[in-house]
Amino acid sequence: MRVLLDQPDHLEQLQQLVRDERQALQRDRYRAVLLAVGDLEGDEIALRIGRSPRFVDEWIGRYRKGGLAALLPRKQPGKRPKLTPEQEARLKARLDAGPRPEDGVCTLRGKDIVRIVEQEFGVKHTLGSIYGVLDRIGYSCLSPRPRHEKNDPQMVQEFKEQSPLLFRPSATP
């Protein structure tokens, strides 16, 4: 299972990459190829690096086809979002406008947004996945505590000042 280096400087470069790499999985990829260059067989390489022979065969094959660049991890595609970009833009506009009277709440929570997305867009989301949508469109799950519509900051301040038991100045600094 000898691997021929496509460029003579790859051996030194591989050795340097093995020394410098901090992520164990990536370092094992480099080590597998480096050991294959040194005339070891796949099963022996797998034992030495503590990985399966399939892992070793896959990464040596990738190196043969694409060189050192093929040893870098590729971005995994993942699942396509349930909401289209246009729907996400409409949801963002809906959330920016704030809760409507028919929502029956003073602040929209995750479960309220799940209901809105299902009713207005016809898309079902779980509570956990809606937070991913919110993150993707630029929202944080943190929000200030809601204030009641009848809350009067001036009256609160007057209460604090006039209350005999609250906010007494202490004798010692």
Foldseek 3Di string as FASTA:
>chain_A
DAADAPDPCVLVVLVVCLVPDPDLVLNLLSQLLNVSNVVDDLVVSCVVSVHDSVSSVVSSVQCNVPNPVSSDDDDDPDDDDPDDPVRLVVLVVVPVVADDVVLVDRHDALVSSQVCCCVVVVDHDDSVVVCVSCVVSPHDNDDDDDDDPPDDVVVVVVCQVPPPPHDDDDPPD
